[in-house]
């Protein structure tokens, strides 16, 4: 078993799934399908986060020696999405905080918005504003995340062509 190849194939699968979910997210957004936007958006984020988990590892971990060459020349950075990953993995705790800290102002969850102004940032539990996924006062650009994923994909193709 070529362990590096197993990791490489898994990253490719996660990339394919992330790209499919992103396309479905756009289709849902264009069709004003709010539930579909967040359903596919969450799936996109999960697969993107899985890519980051596989390729961004501690240097002394078991996996590091097998994945270090996979994307070393890609300059892809998925680490900046770790806080969103933590939010989604601990969603129950974030929901508790959001409810506990609510101060009687308007609150929004699973809304497609366009440059909403005048609301406290933490009024949004989850919202999509253009390409930005907003989660409890933080904004994450999904189009930028897709670009980072595509950098990983290109690096894997280059590596695959060298074999």
C-alpha atoms as a PDB file:
ATOM      1  CA  UNK A   1       0.000   0.000   0.000  1.00  0.00           C
ATOM      2  CA  UNK A   2       1.311   3.399  -1.005  1.00  0.00           C
ATOM      3  CA  UNK A   3       0.218   5.515   1.950  1.00  0.00           C
ATOM      4  CA  UNK A   4       0.906   8.816   0.201  1.00  0.00           C
ATOM      5  CA  UNK A   5      -1.323   7.743  -2.667  1.00  0.00           C
ATOM      6  CA  UNK A   6      -4.167   6.871  -0.293  1.00  0.00           C
ATOM      7  CA  UNK A   7      -4.012  10.388   1.173  1.00  0.00           C
ATOM      8  CA  UNK A   8      -3.722  11.911  -2.312  1.00  0.00           C
ATOM      9  CA  UNK A   9      -6.819  10.052  -3.504  1.00  0.00           C
ATOM     10  CA  UNK A  10      -8.774  11.102  -0.417  1.00  0.00           C
ATOM     11  CA  UNK A  11      -7.872  14.746  -0.951  1.00  0.00           C
ATOM     12  CA  UNK A  12      -9.017  14.434  -4.581  1.00  0.00           C
ATOM     13  CA  UNK A  13     -12.345  12.941  -3.440  1.00  0.00           C
ATOM     14  CA  UNK A  14     -12.864  15.735  -0.920  1.00  0.00           C
ATOM     15  CA  UNK A  15     -12.053  18.320  -3.620  1.00  0.00           C
ATOM     16  CA  UNK A  16     -14.581  16.768  -5.983  1.00  0.00           C
ATOM     17  CA  UNK A  17     -17.267  16.722  -3.285  1.00  0.00           C
ATOM     18  CA  UNK A  18     -16.484  20.306  -2.221  1.00  0.00           C
ATOM     19  CA  UNK A  19     -16.714  21.572  -5.799  1.00  0.00           C
ATOM     20  CA  UNK A  20     -20.010  19.748  -6.368  1.00  0.00           C
ATOM     21  CA  UNK A  21     -21.454  21.162  -3.160  1.00  0.00           C
ATOM     22  CA  UNK A  22     -20.294  24.669  -4.123  1.00  0.00           C
ATOM     23  CA  UNK A  23     -21.998  24.419  -7.516  1.00  0.00           C
ATOM     24  CA  UNK A  24     -25.197  23.248  -5.824  1.00  0.00           C
ATOM     25  CA  UNK A  25     -24.911  26.126  -3.357  1.00  0.00           C
ATOM     26  CA  UNK A  26     -24.750  28.598  -6.246  1.00  0.00           C
ATOM     27  CA  UNK A  27     -27.681  26.915  -7.977  1.00  0.00           C
ATOM     28  CA  UNK A  28     -29.719  27.087  -4.759  1.00  0.00           C
ATOM     29  CA  UNK A  29     -28.751  30.741  -4.209  1.00  0.00           C
ATOM     30  CA  UNK A  30     -29.732  31.660  -7.761  1.00  0.00           C
ATOM     31  CA  UNK A  31     -33.039  29.826  -7.283  1.00  0.00           C
ATOM     32  CA  UNK A  32     -33.760  31.551  -3.936  1.00  0.00           C
ATOM     33  CA  UNK A  33     -33.754  28.153  -2.226  1.00  0.00           C
ATOM     34  CA  UNK A  34     -32.684  29.204   1.254  1.00  0.00           C
ATOM     35  CA  UNK A  35     -32.701  25.710   2.771  1.00  0.00           C
ATOM     36  CA  UNK A  36     -30.697  24.446  -0.205  1.00  0.00           C
ATOM     37  CA  UNK A  37     -28.150  27.249   0.190  1.00  0.00           C
ATOM     38  CA  UNK A  38     -27.356  26.267   3.755  1.00  0.00           C
ATOM     39  CA  UNK A  39     -27.623  22.526   3.130  1.00  0.00           C
ATOM     40  CA  UNK A  40     -25.094  22.683   0.299  1.00  0.00           C
ATOM     41  CA  UNK A  41     -23.094  25.412   2.009  1.00  0.00           C
ATOM     42  CA  UNK A  42     -22.548  23.249   5.069  1.00  0.00           C
ATOM     43  CA  UNK A  43     -21.524  20.329   2.856  1.00  0.00           C
ATOM     44  CA  UNK A  44     -19.096  22.528   0.932  1.00  0.00           C
ATOM     45  CA  UNK A  45     -17.541  23.691   4.171  1.00  0.00           C
ATOM     46  CA  UNK A  46     -17.286  20.188   5.606  1.00  0.00           C
ATOM     47  CA  UNK A  47     -15.454  18.886   2.533  1.00  0.00           C
ATOM     48  CA  UNK A  48     -13.216  21.968   2.359  1.00  0.00           C
ATOM     49  CA  UNK A  49     -12.429  21.556   6.032  1.00  0.00           C
ATOM     50  CA  UNK A  50     -11.626  17.866   5.479  1.00  0.00           C
ATOM     51  CA  UNK A  51      -9.081  18.854   2.831  1.00  0.00           C
ATOM     52  CA  UNK A  52      -7.446  21.209   5.307  1.00  0.00           C
ATOM     53  CA  UNK A  53      -7.453  18.579   8.023  1.00  0.00           C
ATOM     54  CA  UNK A  54      -5.667  16.102   5.759  1.00  0.00           C
ATOM     55  CA  UNK A  55      -2.999  18.403   4.336  1.00  0.00           C
ATOM     56  CA  UNK A  56      -2.308  20.788   7.234  1.00  0.00           C
ATOM     57  CA  UNK A  57      -0.860  18.562   9.938  1.00  0.00           C
ATOM     58  CA  UNK A  58       1.686  18.892  12.690  1.00  0.00           C
ATOM     59  CA  UNK A  59       5.193  18.089  11.417  1.00  0.00           C
ATOM     60  CA  UNK A  60       5.654  15.243  13.912  1.00  0.00           C
ATOM     61  CA  UNK A  61       2.350  13.478  13.150  1.00  0.00           C
ATOM     62  CA  UNK A  62       2.066  10.066  11.490  1.00  0.00           C
ATOM     63  CA  UNK A  63       0.486  11.601   8.399  1.00  0.00           C
ATOM     64  CA  UNK A  64       3.009  14.401   7.891  1.00  0.00           C
ATOM     65  CA  UNK A  65       5.623  12.305   6.132  1.00  0.00           C
ATOM     66  CA  UNK A  66       3.010  11.061   3.671  1.00  0.00           C
ATOM     67  CA  UNK A  67       1.299  14.353   2.842  1.00  0.00           C
ATOM     68  CA  UNK A  68       4.183  16.838   3.012  1.00  0.00           C
ATOM     69  CA  UNK A  69       4.882  16.553  -0.716  1.00  0.00           C
ATOM     70  CA  UNK A  70       1.253  16.490  -1.843  1.00  0.00           C
ATOM     71  CA  UNK A  71       0.745  20.222  -2.004  1.00  0.00           C
ATOM     72  CA  UNK A  72       4.041  21.759  -0.909  1.00  0.00           C
ATOM     73  CA  UNK A  73       4.258  23.949  -4.031  1.00  0.00           C
ATOM     74  CA  UNK A  74       0.588  24.915  -4.130  1.00  0.00           C
ATOM     75  CA  UNK A  75       0.804  27.832  -1.683  1.00  0.00           C
ATOM     76  CA  UNK A  76      -2.731  26.859  -0.681  1.00  0.00           C
ATOM     77  CA  UNK A  77      -3.781  28.006   2.750  1.00  0.00           C
ATOM     78  CA  UNK A  78      -6.870  26.477   4.276  1.00  0.00           C
ATOM     79  CA  UNK A  79      -5.752  27.169   7.851  1.00  0.00           C
ATOM     80  CA  UNK A  80      -7.615  30.487   7.997  1.00  0.00           C
ATOM     81  CA  UNK A  81     -10.859  28.476   7.958  1.00  0.00           C
ATOM     82  CA  UNK A  82     -10.074  26.610  11.167  1.00  0.00           C
ATOM     83  CA  UNK A  83     -12.196  28.872  13.338  1.00  0.00           C
ATOM     84  CA  UNK A  84     -15.215  28.195  11.123  1.00  0.00           C
ATOM     85  CA  UNK A  85     -14.394  24.504  11.278  1.00  0.00           C
ATOM     86  CA  UNK A  86     -14.444  24.736  15.063  1.00  0.00           C
ATOM     87  CA  UNK A  87     -17.738  26.618  14.975  1.00  0.00           C
ATOM     88  CA  UNK A  88     -19.367  23.942  12.837  1.00  0.00           C
ATOM     89  CA  UNK A  89     -17.890  21.055  14.809  1.00  0.00           C
ATOM     90  CA  UNK A  90     -19.117  22.614  18.061  1.00  0.00           C
ATOM     91  CA  UNK A  91     -22.330  24.007  16.660  1.00  0.00           C
ATOM     92  CA  UNK A  92     -24.339  23.016  19.728  1.00  0.00           C
ATOM     93  CA  UNK A  93     -22.089  25.131  21.948  1.00  0.00           C
ATOM     94  CA  UNK A  94     -22.215  28.099  19.534  1.00  0.00           C
ATOM     95  CA  UNK A  95     -25.999  27.846  19.465  1.00  0.00           C
ATOM     96  CA  UNK A  96     -26.066  27.938  23.265  1.00  0.00           C
ATOM     97  CA  UNK A  97     -23.884  31.070  23.298  1.00  0.00           C
ATOM     98  CA  UNK A  98     -25.952  32.755  20.586  1.00  0.00           C
ATOM     99  CA  UNK A  99     -29.191  32.142  22.487  1.00  0.00           C
ATOM    100  CA  UNK A 100     -27.704  33.048  25.862  1.00  0.00           C
ATOM    101  CA  UNK A 101     -26.177  36.308  24.600  1.00  0.00           C
ATOM    102  CA  UNK A 102     -29.257  37.461  22.699  1.00  0.00           C
ATOM    103  CA  UNK A 103     -30.120  40.927  23.957  1.00  0.00           C
ATOM    104  CA  UNK A 104     -33.557  41.369  22.437  1.00  0.00           C
ATOM    105  CA  UNK A 105     -32.435  42.779  19.090  1.00  0.00           C
ATOM    106  CA  UNK A 106     -33.491  41.269  15.801  1.00  0.00           C
ATOM    107  CA  UNK A 107     -31.835  37.967  15.093  1.00  0.00           C
ATOM    108  CA  UNK A 108     -31.377  36.052  11.886  1.00  0.00           C
ATOM    109  CA  UNK A 109     -30.598  32.487  11.005  1.00  0.00           C
ATOM    110  CA  UNK A 110     -30.227  30.920   7.586  1.00  0.00           C
ATOM    111  CA  UNK A 111     -30.843  34.119   5.665  1.00  0.00           C
ATOM    112  CA  UNK A 112     -29.657  35.120   2.223  1.00  0.00           C
ATOM    113  CA  UNK A 113     -28.853  38.792   2.601  1.00  0.00           C
ATOM    114  CA  UNK A 114     -27.285  41.491   0.476  1.00  0.00           C
ATOM    115  CA  UNK A 115     -25.215  44.047   2.317  1.00  0.00           C
ATOM    116  CA  UNK A 116     -27.567  44.254   5.302  1.00  0.00           C
ATOM    117  CA  UNK A 117     -26.720  47.331   7.335  1.00  0.00           C
ATOM    118  CA  UNK A 118     -27.505  48.463  10.847  1.00  0.00           C
ATOM    119  CA  UNK A 119     -27.711  45.075  12.526  1.00  0.00           C
ATOM    120  CA  UNK A 120     -25.260  43.892  15.178  1.00  0.00           C
ATOM    121  CA  UNK A 121     -22.794  41.431  13.666  1.00  0.00           C
ATOM    122  CA  UNK A 122     -23.813  38.783  16.172  1.00  0.00           C
ATOM    123  CA  UNK A 123     -27.473  39.116  15.148  1.00  0.00           C
ATOM    124  CA  UNK A 124     -26.710  36.585  12.391  1.00  0.00           C
ATOM    125  CA  UNK A 125     -26.211  33.006  13.451  1.00  0.00           C
ATOM    126  CA  UNK A 126     -25.838  31.894   9.824  1.00  0.00           C
ATOM    127  CA  UNK A 127     -26.262  34.062   6.752  1.00  0.00           C
ATOM    128  CA  UNK A 128     -25.025  34.207   3.187  1.00  0.00           C
ATOM    129  CA  UNK A 129     -24.160  37.686   1.925  1.00  0.00           C
ATOM    130  CA  UNK A 130     -22.916  37.359  -1.643  1.00  0.00           C
ATOM    131  CA  UNK A 131     -19.898  35.063  -1.341  1.00  0.00           C
ATOM    132  CA  UNK A 132     -19.570  35.557   2.411  1.00  0.00           C
ATOM    133  CA  UNK A 133     -20.777  32.936   4.823  1.00  0.00           C
ATOM    134  CA  UNK A 134     -21.490  34.760   8.049  1.00  0.00           C
ATOM    135  CA  UNK A 135     -21.461  32.901  11.298  1.00  0.00           C
ATOM    136  CA  UNK A 136     -22.054  34.587  14.628  1.00  0.00           C
ATOM    137  CA  UNK A 137     -20.299  37.844  13.840  1.00  0.00           C
ATOM    138  CA  UNK A 138     -17.573  36.446  11.608  1.00  0.00           C
ATOM    139  CA  UNK A 139     -17.427  36.430   7.798  1.00  0.00           C
ATOM    140  CA  UNK A 140     -15.782  33.791   5.618  1.00  0.00           C
ATOM    141  CA  UNK A 141     -15.461  34.255   1.875  1.00  0.00           C
ATOM    142  CA  UNK A 142     -16.526  31.000   0.202  1.00  0.00           C
ATOM    143  CA  UNK A 143     -15.257  32.035  -3.240  1.00  0.00           C
ATOM    144  CA  UNK A 144     -11.789  32.574  -1.749  1.00  0.00           C
ATOM    145  CA  UNK A 145     -11.981  29.183  -0.082  1.00  0.00           C
ATOM    146  CA  UNK A 146     -12.854  27.608  -3.435  1.00  0.00           C
ATOM    147  CA  UNK A 147      -9.786  29.298  -4.972  1.00  0.00           C
ATOM    148  CA  UNK A 148      -7.591  27.761  -2.262  1.00  0.00           C
ATOM    149  CA  UNK A 149      -9.119  24.341  -2.942  1.00  0.00           C
ATOM    150  CA  UNK A 150      -8.390  24.776  -6.647  1.00  0.00           C
ATOM    151  CA  UNK A 151      -4.738  25.506  -5.787  1.00  0.00           C
ATOM    152  CA  UNK A 152      -4.604  22.157  -3.997  1.00  0.00           C
ATOM    153  CA  UNK A 153      -6.256  20.484  -6.979  1.00  0.00           C
ATOM    154  CA  UNK A 154      -3.708  21.940  -9.407  1.00  0.00           C
ATOM    155  CA  UNK A 155      -0.831  20.849  -7.191  1.00  0.00           C
ATOM    156  CA  UNK A 156      -2.202  17.302  -7.090  1.00  0.00           C
ATOM    157  CA  UNK A 157      -2.477  17.245 -10.896  1.00  0.00           C
ATOM    158  CA  UNK A 158       1.126  18.452 -11.277  1.00  0.00           C
ATOM    159  CA  UNK A 159       2.282  15.830  -8.828  1.00  0.00           C
ATOM    160  CA  UNK A 160       0.261  13.142 -10.609  1.00  0.00           C
ATOM    161  CA  UNK A 161       1.862  14.085 -13.945  1.00  0.00           C
ATOM    162  CA  UNK A 162       5.360  13.624 -12.465  1.00  0.00           C
ATOM    163  CA  UNK A 163       4.764   9.954 -11.758  1.00  0.00           C
END
